[in-house]
Amino acid sequence: MKTNNIPYWNGKQLVCLCSAYDFPHRFYGGKCDGYDMAKNCFDNRLSCQDCNCLRSDGCDVLDGIESSKECPFIIDFCTEYEIKL
């Protein structure tokens, strides 16, 4: 089982371990909104350099100003796995 809050393919679907639920769940289902994934991206600066949501004092997605659907890291992830948000 993964522990880095990045969804993973279990052979049938993308499984997420974010804080939306206390158990593994389908990525972007129900309360799972990609927030933990965006936070992981921001904390590790994975693809924030050219992001329109990045400000000198934080991130518009993490501050609730923008939807996690605007996060380039999530957009790229969803494109890779052909997920429609």
Protein backbone atom coordinates (compact mmCIF):
# COMPACT_ATOMS: atom_id res chain seq x y z
CA MET A 1 0.00 0.00 0.00
CA LYS A 2 1.25 3.48 -0.90
CA THR A 3 1.72 6.16 1.76
CA ASN A 4 2.55 9.36 -0.14
CA ASN A 5 -1.05 10.49 -0.84
CA ILE A 6 -0.50 10.19 -4.59
CA PRO A 7 -3.18 7.96 -6.14
CA TYR A 8 -1.96 4.68 -7.57
CA TRP A 9 -3.28 2.14 -10.06
CA ASN A 10 -4.35 -1.09 -8.34
CA GLY A 11 -4.99 -2.98 -11.57
CA LYS A 12 -8.61 -1.90 -11.84
CA GLN A 13 -8.83 1.78 -10.85
CA LEU A 14 -6.93 4.69 -9.33
CA VAL A 15 -6.88 4.34 -5.55
CA CYS A 16 -6.33 7.37 -3.35
CA LEU A 17 -5.17 7.48 0.27
CA CYS A 18 -5.86 11.16 0.97
CA SER A 19 -7.42 12.53 4.14
CA ALA A 20 -10.93 12.76 2.62
CA TYR A 21 -11.62 9.25 3.93
CA ASP A 22 -9.98 6.97 6.49
CA PHE A 23 -9.71 4.16 3.93
CA PRO A 24 -8.43 3.68 0.37
CA HIS A 25 -10.99 5.09 -2.08
CA ARG A 26 -11.53 5.95 -5.73
CA PHE A 27 -9.58 9.03 -6.79
CA TYR A 28 -11.76 12.15 -7.12
CA GLY A 29 -14.83 10.33 -5.85
CA GLY A 30 -17.17 11.78 -3.21
CA LYS A 31 -15.22 13.98 -0.77
CA CYS A 32 -11.90 13.27 -2.52
CA ASP A 33 -11.21 16.55 -4.33
CA GLY A 34 -7.47 16.36 -5.02
CA TYR A 35 -6.55 18.79 -2.21
CA ASP A 36 -3.96 16.45 -0.64
CA MET A 37 -2.39 15.86 -4.03
CA ALA A 38 -2.15 19.62 -4.67
CA LYS A 39 -0.69 20.11 -1.18
CA ASN A 40 1.92 17.41 -1.80
CA CYS A 41 2.82 19.11 -5.07
CA PHE A 42 3.14 22.52 -3.36
CA ASP A 43 5.09 21.17 -0.37
CA ASN A 44 7.58 19.44 -2.65
CA ARG A 45 7.44 22.07 -5.43
CA LEU A 46 6.92 19.31 -7.98
CA SER A 47 5.51 21.49 -10.77
CA CYS A 48 4.76 24.83 -9.16
CA GLN A 49 7.39 26.95 -10.92
CA ASP A 50 5.20 27.93 -13.89
CA CYS A 51 1.82 27.56 -12.18
CA ASN A 52 -0.70 30.42 -12.44
CA CYS A 53 -2.02 29.50 -8.98
CA LEU A 54 1.34 30.11 -7.26
CA ARG A 55 1.82 33.37 -5.37
CA SER A 56 4.71 34.61 -3.29
CA ASP A 57 2.71 33.89 -0.14
CA GLY A 58 1.09 30.58 -1.11
CA CYS A 59 -1.10 28.70 -3.54
CA ASP A 60 -4.60 29.67 -4.73
CA VAL A 61 -5.69 26.00 -4.75
CA LEU A 62 -4.59 25.37 -1.17
CA ASP A 63 -6.11 28.66 -0.01
CA GLY A 64 -9.47 27.72 -1.57
CA ILE A 65 -9.40 30.52 -4.16
CA GLU A 66 -9.14 28.09 -7.09
CA SER A 67 -10.43 24.55 -7.56
CA SER A 68 -7.94 21.69 -7.46
CA LYS A 69 -8.98 21.17 -11.08
CA GLU A 70 -6.79 24.21 -11.85
CA CYS A 71 -3.62 22.64 -10.42
CA PRO A 72 -1.25 21.74 -13.30
CA PHE A 73 0.06 18.73 -11.34
CA ILE A 74 -3.46 17.31 -11.06
CA ILE A 75 -4.25 18.22 -14.67
CA ASP A 76 -1.14 16.37 -15.87
CA PHE A 77 -1.92 13.40 -13.62
CA CYS A 78 -5.49 13.19 -14.91
CA THR A 79 -4.30 13.49 -18.50
CA GLU A 80 -1.83 10.66 -17.98
CA TYR A 81 -4.53 8.37 -16.56
CA GLU A 82 -7.28 9.68 -18.88
CA ILE A 83 -9.43 10.90 -15.98
CA LYS A 84 -12.18 13.41 -16.73
CA LEU A 85 -12.74 15.89 -13.92
